[in-house]
Amino acid sequence: MLPSFFASSKILLHYPEPQAAYPIDIAKFALQTKQDDHMEMARGALGLDQ
């Protein structure tokens, strides 16, 4: 259960936005590192599993 100050806060309206950007952040990181395990994790986060 959330504390009462969250119940009326507008922060809950914005919560899905960072969550939706998570796969993009993983993909950017994977492209920077070019490591196979990071690329595999990024593919999974983006729904591109083989």
PDB file of N, CA and C in Angstrom:
ATOM      1  N   MET A   1       0.834  -1.171   0.000  1.00  0.00           N
ATOM      2  CA  MET A   1       0.000   0.000   0.000  1.00  0.00           C
ATOM      3  C   MET A   1       0.886   1.245   0.000  1.00  0.00           C
ATOM      4  N   LEU A   2       0.504   2.246  -0.800  1.00  0.00           N
ATOM      5  CA  LEU A   2       1.279   3.471  -0.902  1.00  0.00           C
ATOM      6  C   LEU A   2       0.976   4.416   0.244  1.00  0.00           C
ATOM      7  N   PRO A   3       1.975   5.204   0.661  1.00  0.00           N
ATOM      8  CA  PRO A   3       1.706   6.229   1.673  1.00  0.00           C
ATOM      9  C   PRO A   3       0.657   7.204   1.158  1.00  0.00           C
ATOM     10  N   SER A   4      -0.053   7.839   2.074  1.00  0.00           N
ATOM     11  CA  SER A   4      -1.171   8.706   1.698  1.00  0.00           C
ATOM     12  C   SER A   4      -0.743   9.878   0.831  1.00  0.00           C
ATOM     13  N   PHE A   5       0.500  10.371   0.967  1.00  0.00           N
ATOM     14  CA  PHE A   5       0.901  11.512   0.151  1.00  0.00           C
ATOM     15  C   PHE A   5       1.036  11.130  -1.318  1.00  0.00           C
ATOM     16  N   PHE A   6       1.204   9.846  -1.632  1.00  0.00           N
ATOM     17  CA  PHE A   6       1.246   9.403  -3.027  1.00  0.00           C
ATOM     18  C   PHE A   6      -0.152   9.326  -3.635  1.00  0.00           C
ATOM     19  N   ALA A   7      -1.134   9.085  -2.824  1.00  0.00           N
ATOM     20  CA  ALA A   7      -2.489   8.888  -3.339  1.00  0.00           C
ATOM     21  C   ALA A   7      -3.000  10.116  -4.076  1.00  0.00           C
ATOM     22  N   SER A   8      -2.651  11.298  -3.616  1.00  0.00           N
ATOM     23  CA  SER A   8      -3.135  12.509  -4.261  1.00  0.00           C
ATOM     24  C   SER A   8      -2.075  13.152  -5.137  1.00  0.00           C
ATOM     25  N   SER A   9      -0.933  12.536  -5.248  1.00  0.00           N
ATOM     26  CA  SER A   9       0.176  13.129  -5.984  1.00  0.00           C
ATOM     27  C   SER A   9       0.069  12.837  -7.476  1.00  0.00           C
ATOM     28  N   LYS A  10       0.492  13.788  -8.274  1.00  0.00           N
ATOM     29  CA  LYS A  10       0.497  13.616  -9.724  1.00  0.00           C
ATOM     30  C   LYS A  10       1.650  12.723 -10.195  1.00  0.00           C
ATOM     31  N   ILE A  11       2.550  12.381  -9.271  1.00  0.00           N
ATOM     32  CA  ILE A  11       3.693  11.559  -9.661  1.00  0.00           C
ATOM     33  C   ILE A  11       3.245  10.201 -10.196  1.00  0.00           C
ATOM     34  N   LEU A  12       2.150   9.686  -9.694  1.00  0.00           N
ATOM     35  CA  LEU A  12       1.666   8.395 -10.166  1.00  0.00           C
ATOM     36  C   LEU A  12       1.228   8.456 -11.633  1.00  0.00           C
ATOM     37  N   LEU A  13       0.835   9.627 -12.093  1.00  0.00           N
ATOM     38  CA  LEU A  13       0.444   9.769 -13.495  1.00  0.00           C
ATOM     39  C   LEU A  13       1.641   9.665 -14.425  1.00  0.00           C
ATOM     40  N   HIS A  14       2.830   9.970 -13.923  1.00  0.00           N
ATOM     41  CA  HIS A  14       4.043   9.977 -14.742  1.00  0.00           C
ATOM     42  C   HIS A  14       4.879   8.716 -14.573  1.00  0.00           C
ATOM     43  N   TYR A  15       4.494   7.838 -13.698  1.00  0.00           N
ATOM     44  CA  TYR A  15       5.281   6.641 -13.433  1.00  0.00           C
ATOM     45  C   TYR A  15       5.481   5.765 -14.667  1.00  0.00           C
ATOM     46  N   PRO A  16       4.482   5.534 -15.507  1.00  0.00           N
ATOM     47  CA  PRO A  16       4.692   4.648 -16.657  1.00  0.00           C
ATOM     48  C   PRO A  16       5.690   5.185 -17.678  1.00  0.00           C
ATOM     49  N   GLU A  17       5.925   6.486 -17.725  1.00  0.00           N
ATOM     50  CA  GLU A  17       6.827   7.047 -18.726  1.00  0.00           C
ATOM     51  C   GLU A  17       8.254   6.528 -18.603  1.00  0.00           C
ATOM     52  N   PRO A  18       8.899   6.606 -17.433  1.00  0.00           N
ATOM     53  CA  PRO A  18      10.258   6.053 -17.336  1.00  0.00           C
ATOM     54  C   PRO A  18      10.275   4.539 -17.539  1.00  0.00           C
ATOM     55  N   GLN A  19       9.220   3.889 -17.106  1.00  0.00           N
ATOM     56  CA  GLN A  19       9.135   2.445 -17.265  1.00  0.00           C
ATOM     57  C   GLN A  19       9.067   2.081 -18.753  1.00  0.00           C
ATOM     58  N   ALA A  20       8.378   2.881 -19.547  1.00  0.00           N
ATOM     59  CA  ALA A  20       8.261   2.625 -20.974  1.00  0.00           C
ATOM     60  C   ALA A  20       9.585   2.873 -21.684  1.00  0.00           C
ATOM     61  N   ALA A  21      10.422   3.756 -21.161  1.00  0.00           N
ATOM     62  CA  ALA A  21      11.701   4.081 -21.793  1.00  0.00           C
ATOM     63  C   ALA A  21      12.800   3.095 -21.409  1.00  0.00           C
ATOM     64  N   TYR A  22      12.558   2.233 -20.457  1.00  0.00           N
ATOM     65  CA  TYR A  22      13.565   1.293 -19.962  1.00  0.00           C
ATOM     66  C   TYR A  22      14.189   0.444 -21.071  1.00  0.00           C
ATOM     67  N   PRO A  23      13.407  -0.163 -21.977  1.00  0.00           N
ATOM     68  CA  PRO A  23      14.033  -0.966 -23.037  1.00  0.00           C
ATOM     69  C   PRO A  23      14.949  -0.147 -23.945  1.00  0.00           C
ATOM     70  N   ILE A  24      14.618   1.107 -24.184  1.00  0.00           N
ATOM     71  CA  ILE A  24      15.464   1.965 -25.012  1.00  0.00           C
ATOM     72  C   ILE A  24      16.777   2.256 -24.306  1.00  0.00           C
ATOM     73  N   ASP A  25      16.718   2.496 -23.009  1.00  0.00           N
ATOM     74  CA  ASP A  25      17.941   2.743 -22.243  1.00  0.00           C
ATOM     75  C   ASP A  25      18.852   1.520 -22.267  1.00  0.00           C
ATOM     76  N   ILE A  26      18.275   0.340 -22.132  1.00  0.00           N
ATOM     77  CA  ILE A  26      19.067  -0.890 -22.193  1.00  0.00           C
ATOM     78  C   ILE A  26      19.710  -1.031 -23.569  1.00  0.00           C
ATOM     79  N   ALA A  27      18.949  -0.769 -24.617  1.00  0.00           N
ATOM     80  CA  ALA A  27      19.463  -0.902 -25.984  1.00  0.00           C
ATOM     81  C   ALA A  27      20.607   0.081 -26.233  1.00  0.00           C
ATOM     82  N   LYS A  28      20.478   1.305 -25.770  1.00  0.00           N
ATOM     83  CA  LYS A  28      21.547   2.290 -25.935  1.00  0.00           C
ATOM     84  C   LYS A  28      22.813   1.837 -25.209  1.00  0.00           C
ATOM     85  N   PHE A  29      22.641   1.321 -24.002  1.00  0.00           N
ATOM     86  CA  PHE A  29      23.777   0.824 -23.242  1.00  0.00           C
ATOM     87  C   PHE A  29      24.441  -0.349 -23.959  1.00  0.00           C
ATOM     88  N   ALA A  30      23.633  -1.254 -24.487  1.00  0.00           N
ATOM     89  CA  ALA A  30      24.167  -2.421 -25.182  1.00  0.00           C
ATOM     90  C   ALA A  30      24.948  -2.008 -26.426  1.00  0.00           C
ATOM     91  N   LEU A  31      24.458  -1.022 -27.139  1.00  0.00           N
ATOM     92  CA  LEU A  31      25.176  -0.551 -28.328  1.00  0.00           C
ATOM     93  C   LEU A  31      26.500   0.106 -27.954  1.00  0.00           C
ATOM     94  N   GLN A  32      26.561   0.729 -26.805  1.00  0.00           N
ATOM     95  CA  GLN A  32      27.809   1.348 -26.357  1.00  0.00           C
ATOM     96  C   GLN A  32      28.832   0.302 -25.944  1.00  0.00           C
ATOM     97  N   THR A  33      28.393  -0.733 -25.227  1.00  0.00           N
ATOM     98  CA  THR A  33      29.325  -1.741 -24.727  1.00  0.00           C
ATOM     99  C   THR A  33      29.664  -2.800 -25.772  1.00  0.00           C
ATOM    100  N   LYS A  34      28.723  -3.058 -26.675  1.00  0.00           N
ATOM    101  CA  LYS A  34      28.891  -4.068 -27.730  1.00  0.00           C
ATOM    102  C   LYS A  34      29.178  -5.472 -27.171  1.00  0.00           C
ATOM    103  N   GLN A  35      28.728  -5.732 -25.945  1.00  0.00           N
ATOM    104  CA  GLN A  35      28.906  -7.052 -25.351  1.00  0.00           C
ATOM    105  C   GLN A  35      27.688  -7.908 -25.667  1.00  0.00           C
ATOM    106  N   ASP A  36      27.951  -9.173 -25.995  1.00  0.00           N
ATOM    107  CA  ASP A  36      26.878 -10.075 -26.410  1.00  0.00           C
ATOM    108  C   ASP A  36      25.781 -10.218 -25.356  1.00  0.00           C
ATOM    109  N   ASP A  37      26.167 -10.325 -24.085  1.00  0.00           N
ATOM    110  CA  ASP A  37      25.143 -10.498 -23.049  1.00  0.00           C
ATOM    111  C   ASP A  37      24.276  -9.246 -22.903  1.00  0.00           C
ATOM    112  N   HIS A  38      24.862  -8.078 -23.101  1.00  0.00           N
ATOM    113  CA  HIS A  38      24.070  -6.844 -23.050  1.00  0.00           C
ATOM    114  C   HIS A  38      23.144  -6.750 -24.261  1.00  0.00           C
ATOM    115  N   MET A  39      23.641  -7.160 -25.427  1.00  0.00           N
ATOM    116  CA  MET A  39      22.811  -7.137 -26.631  1.00  0.00           C
ATOM    117  C   MET A  39      21.632  -8.100 -26.486  1.00  0.00           C
ATOM    118  N   GLU A  40      21.888  -9.253 -25.901  1.00  0.00           N
ATOM    119  CA  GLU A  40      20.822 -10.237 -25.686  1.00  0.00           C
ATOM    120  C   GLU A  40      19.762  -9.692 -24.723  1.00  0.00           C
ATOM    121  N   MET A  41      20.205  -9.038 -23.668  1.00  0.00           N
ATOM    122  CA  MET A  41      19.266  -8.460 -22.712  1.00  0.00           C
ATOM    123  C   MET A  41      18.449  -7.355 -23.387  1.00  0.00           C
ATOM    124  N   ALA A  42      19.078  -6.551 -24.220  1.00  0.00           N
ATOM    125  CA  ALA A  42      18.365  -5.480 -24.923  1.00  0.00           C
ATOM    126  C   ALA A  42      17.327  -6.051 -25.877  1.00  0.00           C
ATOM    127  N   ARG A  43      17.684  -7.102 -26.601  1.00  0.00           N
ATOM    128  CA  ARG A  43      16.720  -7.742 -27.512  1.00  0.00           C
ATOM    129  C   ARG A  43      15.507  -8.241 -26.736  1.00  0.00           C
ATOM    130  N   GLY A  44      15.750  -8.837 -25.585  1.00  0.00           N
ATOM    131  CA  GLY A  44      14.639  -9.326 -24.763  1.00  0.00           C
ATOM    132  C   GLY A  44      13.751  -8.202 -24.267  1.00  0.00           C
ATOM    133  N   ALA A  45      14.381  -7.091 -23.825  1.00  0.00           N
ATOM    134  CA  ALA A  45      13.611  -5.964 -23.330  1.00  0.00           C
ATOM    135  C   ALA A  45      12.771  -5.314 -24.427  1.00  0.00           C
ATOM    136  N   LEU A  46      13.296  -5.362 -25.653  1.00  0.00           N
ATOM    137  CA  LEU A  46      12.588  -4.768 -26.784  1.00  0.00           C
ATOM    138  C   LEU A  46      11.592  -5.736 -27.417  1.00  0.00           C
ATOM    139  N   GLY A  47      11.548  -6.960 -26.922  1.00  0.00           N
ATOM    140  CA  GLY A  47      10.612  -7.952 -27.474  1.00  0.00           C
ATOM    141  C   GLY A  47      11.096  -8.564 -28.762  1.00  0.00           C
ATOM    142  N   LEU A  48      12.417  -8.586 -28.956  1.00  0.00           N
ATOM    143  CA  LEU A  48      13.000  -9.130 -30.179  1.00  0.00           C
ATOM    144  C   LEU A  48      13.685 -10.467 -29.928  1.00  0.00           C
ATOM    145  N   ASP A  49      13.190 -11.227 -28.976  1.00  0.00           N
ATOM    146  CA  ASP A  49      13.773 -12.544 -28.684  1.00  0.00           C
ATOM    147  C   ASP A  49      13.716 -13.416 -29.927  1.00  0.00           C
ATOM    148  N   GLN A  50      14.746 -14.215 -30.076  1.00  0.00           N
ATOM    149  CA  GLN A  50      14.813 -15.088 -31.249  1.00  0.00           C
ATOM    150  C   GLN A  50      14.162 -16.418 -30.986  1.00  0.00           C
TER     151      GLN A  50
END
